[in-house]
Amino acid sequence: MNQFTFRLERVRALRERGEDLAKQELAGALTHRQGCEERLRETGAELDLARARQRDLAAGGPASALDMIARQQYLERVERNRMQGQQELMQSDAEVARRRASLVEAARDRQALERLKERRRADHALALKRFEGAEMDEIAMTLHRRRAA
């Protein structure tokens, strides 16, 4: 009897590569999310600083109207940047969730083929044992006939 060969090995290998690709995509999405989070923290710090400068300008006494308008416009721009950063972070979270679900599905597909491969290997081993047992029985019967004759 021949050695075990899994006929779906190419499909299993493709699914394994698909799972590896899904892992890489998830890693990329997590890296992007981390960058979004860092930019959001930086924007938050910049917003706090802009607000503090706005308060200092108002409490510091007379200031020109142009200075106050410029500071206010800067503060509004930083606030818009922060809101955009929050939206980008939410989109990044959704992308991470999609990539994670994709990885789970790819892993499930690969594991199904791995289980099938192991079942087929066990079936092959059982058939091999039966074949070897039948051969041993045949050899024993032949020896017994020769001794009896």
C-alpha atoms as a PDB file:
ATOM      1  CA  MET A   1       0.000   0.000   0.000  1.00  0.00           C
ATOM      2  CA  ASN A   2       1.313   3.472  -0.863  1.00  0.00           C
ATOM      3  CA  GLN A   3       2.132   6.428   1.332  1.00  0.00           C
ATOM      4  CA  PHE A   4      -0.538   8.916   2.445  1.00  0.00           C
ATOM      5  CA  THR A   5      -1.170  11.847   0.120  1.00  0.00           C
ATOM      6  CA  PHE A   6      -3.809  14.468   0.790  1.00  0.00           C
ATOM      7  CA  ARG A   7      -5.498  15.290  -2.497  1.00  0.00           C
ATOM      8  CA  LEU A   8      -6.574  18.736  -1.316  1.00  0.00           C
ATOM      9  CA  GLU A   9      -3.068  19.780  -0.224  1.00  0.00           C
ATOM     10  CA  ARG A  10      -2.932  22.600  -2.779  1.00  0.00           C
ATOM     11  CA  VAL A  11      -6.255  23.963  -1.562  1.00  0.00           C
ATOM     12  CA  ARG A  12      -5.048  23.692   2.047  1.00  0.00           C
ATOM     13  CA  ALA A  13      -1.847  25.541   1.144  1.00  0.00           C
ATOM     14  CA  LEU A  14      -3.873  28.271  -0.602  1.00  0.00           C
ATOM     15  CA  ARG A  15      -6.067  28.676   2.442  1.00  0.00           C
ATOM     16  CA  GLU A  16      -2.998  28.836   4.648  1.00  0.00           C
ATOM     17  CA  ARG A  17      -1.592  31.618   2.463  1.00  0.00           C
ATOM     18  CA  GLY A  18      -4.974  33.346   2.602  1.00  0.00           C
ATOM     19  CA  GLU A  19      -4.847  33.202   6.383  1.00  0.00           C
ATOM     20  CA  ASP A  20      -1.319  34.631   6.379  1.00  0.00           C
ATOM     21  CA  LEU A  21      -2.483  37.446   4.113  1.00  0.00           C
ATOM     22  CA  ALA A  22      -5.421  38.133   6.443  1.00  0.00           C
ATOM     23  CA  LYS A  23      -2.974  38.308   9.365  1.00  0.00           C
ATOM     24  CA  GLN A  24      -0.841  40.829   7.492  1.00  0.00           C
ATOM     25  CA  GLU A  25      -3.881  42.920   6.605  1.00  0.00           C
ATOM     26  CA  LEU A  26      -5.018  42.904  10.230  1.00  0.00           C
ATOM     27  CA  ALA A  27      -1.542  43.955  11.333  1.00  0.00           C
ATOM     28  CA  GLY A  28      -1.639  46.819   8.826  1.00  0.00           C
ATOM     29  CA  ALA A  29      -5.072  47.906  10.025  1.00  0.00           C
ATOM     30  CA  LEU A  30      -3.906  47.801  13.652  1.00  0.00           C
ATOM     31  CA  THR A  31      -0.847  49.862  12.773  1.00  0.00           C
ATOM     32  CA  HIS A  32      -3.025  52.411  10.974  1.00  0.00           C
ATOM     33  CA  ARG A  33      -5.386  52.539  13.962  1.00  0.00           C
ATOM     34  CA  GLN A  34      -2.467  53.112  16.304  1.00  0.00           C
ATOM     35  CA  GLY A  35      -1.307  55.999  14.098  1.00  0.00           C
ATOM     36  CA  CYS A  36      -4.814  57.492  14.147  1.00  0.00           C
ATOM     37  CA  GLU A  37      -4.907  57.196  17.914  1.00  0.00           C
ATOM     38  CA  GLU A  38      -1.522  58.903  18.238  1.00  0.00           C
ATOM     39  CA  ARG A  39      -2.549  61.746  15.909  1.00  0.00           C
ATOM     40  CA  LEU A  40      -5.764  62.172  17.894  1.00  0.00           C
ATOM     41  CA  ARG A  41      -3.759  62.444  21.125  1.00  0.00           C
ATOM     42  CA  GLU A  42      -1.465  65.027  19.529  1.00  0.00           C
ATOM     43  CA  THR A  43      -4.448  66.998  18.236  1.00  0.00           C
ATOM     44  CA  GLY A  44      -6.011  66.858  21.711  1.00  0.00           C
ATOM     45  CA  ALA A  45      -2.840  68.261  23.239  1.00  0.00           C
ATOM     46  CA  GLU A  46      -2.709  70.959  20.555  1.00  0.00           C
ATOM     47  CA  LEU A  47      -6.365  71.812  21.260  1.00  0.00           C
ATOM     48  CA  ASP A  48      -5.700  72.103  24.989  1.00  0.00           C
ATOM     49  CA  LEU A  49      -2.757  74.399  24.275  1.00  0.00           C
ATOM     50  CA  ALA A  50      -4.821  76.541  21.877  1.00  0.00           C
ATOM     51  CA  ARG A  51      -7.589  76.893  24.465  1.00  0.00           C
ATOM     52  CA  ALA A  52      -5.053  77.852  27.133  1.00  0.00           C
ATOM     53  CA  ARG A  53      -3.561  80.488  24.846  1.00  0.00           C
ATOM     54  CA  GLN A  54      -7.040  81.796  24.080  1.00  0.00           C
ATOM     55  CA  ARG A  55      -7.768  82.133  27.811  1.00  0.00           C
ATOM     56  CA  ASP A  56      -4.387  83.775  28.425  1.00  0.00           C
ATOM     57  CA  LEU A  57      -5.041  86.259  25.647  1.00  0.00           C
ATOM     58  CA  ALA A  58      -8.466  87.116  27.081  1.00  0.00           C
ATOM     59  CA  ALA A  59      -7.150  87.380  30.647  1.00  0.00           C
ATOM     60  CA  GLY A  60      -3.961  89.196  29.686  1.00  0.00           C
ATOM     61  CA  GLY A  61      -5.575  92.509  29.089  1.00  0.00           C
ATOM     62  CA  PRO A  62      -5.982  94.484  25.915  1.00  0.00           C
ATOM     63  CA  ALA A  63      -5.418  92.614  22.692  1.00  0.00           C
ATOM     64  CA  SER A  64      -6.090  93.592  19.149  1.00  0.00           C
ATOM     65  CA  ALA A  65      -9.197  92.307  17.436  1.00  0.00           C
ATOM     66  CA  LEU A  66      -7.039  90.725  14.728  1.00  0.00           C
ATOM     67  CA  ASP A  67      -5.134  88.704  17.354  1.00  0.00           C
ATOM     68  CA  MET A  68      -8.387  87.510  18.904  1.00  0.00           C
ATOM     69  CA  ILE A  69      -9.869  86.591  15.512  1.00  0.00           C
ATOM     70  CA  ALA A  70      -6.702  84.772  14.478  1.00  0.00           C
ATOM     71  CA  ARG A  71      -6.605  82.807  17.750  1.00  0.00           C
ATOM     72  CA  GLN A  72     -10.290  81.949  17.432  1.00  0.00           C
ATOM     73  CA  GLN A  73      -9.849  80.745  13.860  1.00  0.00           C
ATOM     74  CA  TYR A  74      -6.864  78.659  14.914  1.00  0.00           C
ATOM     75  CA  LEU A  75      -8.871  77.167  17.791  1.00  0.00           C
ATOM     76  CA  GLU A  76     -11.754  76.311  15.459  1.00  0.00           C
ATOM     77  CA  ARG A  77      -9.370  74.715  12.952  1.00  0.00           C
ATOM     78  CA  VAL A  78      -7.796  72.563  15.667  1.00  0.00           C
ATOM     79  CA  GLU A  79     -11.274  71.541  16.881  1.00  0.00           C
ATOM     80  CA  ARG A  80     -12.210  70.529  13.319  1.00  0.00           C
ATOM     81  CA  ASN A  81      -8.983  68.548  13.047  1.00  0.00           C
ATOM     82  CA  ARG A  82      -9.806  66.759  16.293  1.00  0.00           C
ATOM     83  CA  MET A  83     -13.314  65.885  15.074  1.00  0.00           C
ATOM     84  CA  GLN A  84     -11.854  64.587  11.809  1.00  0.00           C
ATOM     85  CA  GLY A  85      -9.346  62.566  13.820  1.00  0.00           C
ATOM     86  CA  GLN A  86     -12.151  61.048  15.875  1.00  0.00           C
ATOM     87  CA  GLN A  87     -14.030  60.105  12.708  1.00  0.00           C
ATOM     88  CA  GLU A  88     -10.885  58.599  11.217  1.00  0.00           C
ATOM     89  CA  LEU A  89     -10.320  56.591  14.403  1.00  0.00           C
ATOM     90  CA  MET A  90     -13.890  55.264  14.266  1.00  0.00           C
ATOM     91  CA  GLN A  91     -13.395  54.261  10.624  1.00  0.00           C
ATOM     92  CA  SER A  92     -10.109  52.628  11.550  1.00  0.00           C
ATOM     93  CA  ASP A  93     -11.837  50.697  14.355  1.00  0.00           C
ATOM     94  CA  ALA A  94     -14.410  49.449  11.850  1.00  0.00           C
ATOM     95  CA  GLU A  95     -11.645  48.415   9.454  1.00  0.00           C
ATOM     96  CA  VAL A  96      -9.845  46.526  12.232  1.00  0.00           C
ATOM     97  CA  ALA A  97     -13.098  44.726  13.047  1.00  0.00           C
ATOM     98  CA  ARG A  98     -13.560  43.776   9.367  1.00  0.00           C
ATOM     99  CA  ARG A  99      -9.979  42.534   9.092  1.00  0.00           C
ATOM    100  CA  ARG A 100     -10.317  40.566  12.321  1.00  0.00           C
ATOM    101  CA  ALA A 101     -13.513  38.905  11.048  1.00  0.00           C
ATOM    102  CA  SER A 102     -11.759  38.112   7.779  1.00  0.00           C
ATOM    103  CA  LEU A 103      -8.885  36.493   9.681  1.00  0.00           C
ATOM    104  CA  VAL A 104     -11.291  34.415  11.772  1.00  0.00           C
ATOM    105  CA  GLU A 105     -13.012  33.188   8.618  1.00  0.00           C
ATOM    106  CA  ALA A 106      -9.717  32.377   6.889  1.00  0.00           C
ATOM    107  CA  ALA A 107      -8.492  30.499   9.957  1.00  0.00           C
ATOM    108  CA  ARG A 108     -11.763  28.570  10.161  1.00  0.00           C
ATOM    109  CA  ASP A 109     -11.477  27.554   6.503  1.00  0.00           C
ATOM    110  CA  ARG A 110      -7.883  26.408   6.921  1.00  0.00           C
ATOM    111  CA  GLN A 111      -8.652  24.517  10.122  1.00  0.00           C
ATOM    112  CA  ALA A 112     -11.513  22.687   8.423  1.00  0.00           C
ATOM    113  CA  LEU A 113      -9.102  21.398   5.793  1.00  0.00           C
ATOM    114  CA  GLU A 114      -6.542  20.543   8.481  1.00  0.00           C
ATOM    115  CA  ARG A 115      -9.161  18.450  10.312  1.00  0.00           C
ATOM    116  CA  LEU A 116     -10.138  16.762   7.048  1.00  0.00           C
ATOM    117  CA  LYS A 117      -6.483  16.020   6.340  1.00  0.00           C
ATOM    118  CA  GLU A 118      -6.028  14.463   9.773  1.00  0.00           C
ATOM    119  CA  ARG A 119      -9.191  12.355   9.368  1.00  0.00           C
ATOM    120  CA  ARG A 120      -7.988  11.147   5.982  1.00  0.00           C
ATOM    121  CA  ARG A 121      -4.554  10.400   7.461  1.00  0.00           C
ATOM    122  CA  ALA A 122      -6.183   8.382  10.253  1.00  0.00           C
ATOM    123  CA  ASP A 123      -8.369   6.535   7.719  1.00  0.00           C
ATOM    124  CA  HIS A 124      -5.275   5.765   5.667  1.00  0.00           C
ATOM    125  CA  ALA A 125      -3.405   4.504   8.727  1.00  0.00           C
ATOM    126  CA  LEU A 126      -6.343   2.267   9.650  1.00  0.00           C
ATOM    127  CA  ALA A 127      -6.575   0.891   6.100  1.00  0.00           C
ATOM    128  CA  LEU A 128      -2.812   0.298   6.135  1.00  0.00           C
ATOM    129  CA  LYS A 129      -3.062  -1.614   9.418  1.00  0.00           C
ATOM    130  CA  ARG A 130      -5.890  -3.722   8.004  1.00  0.00           C
ATOM    131  CA  PHE A 131      -3.885  -4.412   4.856  1.00  0.00           C
ATOM    132  CA  GLU A 132      -0.800  -5.358   6.857  1.00  0.00           C
ATOM    133  CA  GLY A 133      -2.926  -7.532   9.153  1.00  0.00           C
ATOM    134  CA  ALA A 134      -4.420  -9.321   6.150  1.00  0.00           C
ATOM    135  CA  GLU A 135      -0.929  -9.878   4.720  1.00  0.00           C
ATOM    136  CA  MET A 136       0.301 -11.220   8.072  1.00  0.00           C
ATOM    137  CA  ASP A 137      -2.704 -13.545   8.232  1.00  0.00           C
ATOM    138  CA  GLU A 138      -1.961 -14.752   4.705  1.00  0.00           C
ATOM    139  CA  ILE A 139       1.691 -15.384   5.588  1.00  0.00           C
ATOM    140  CA  ALA A 140       0.668 -17.243   8.735  1.00  0.00           C
ATOM    141  CA  MET A 141      -1.813 -19.381   6.780  1.00  0.00           C
ATOM    142  CA  THR A 142       0.815 -20.185   4.152  1.00  0.00           C
ATOM    143  CA  LEU A 143       3.327 -21.194   6.844  1.00  0.00           C
ATOM    144  CA  HIS A 144       0.713 -23.284   8.611  1.00  0.00           C
ATOM    145  CA  ARG A 145      -0.186 -25.114   5.365  1.00  0.00           C
ATOM    146  CA  ARG A 146       3.473 -25.816   4.625  1.00  0.00           C
ATOM    147  CA  ARG A 147       4.055 -27.222   8.097  1.00  0.00           C
ATOM    148  CA  ALA A 148       0.889 -29.302   7.934  1.00  0.00           C
ATOM    149  CA  ALA A 149       1.791 -30.803   4.556  1.00  0.00           C
END
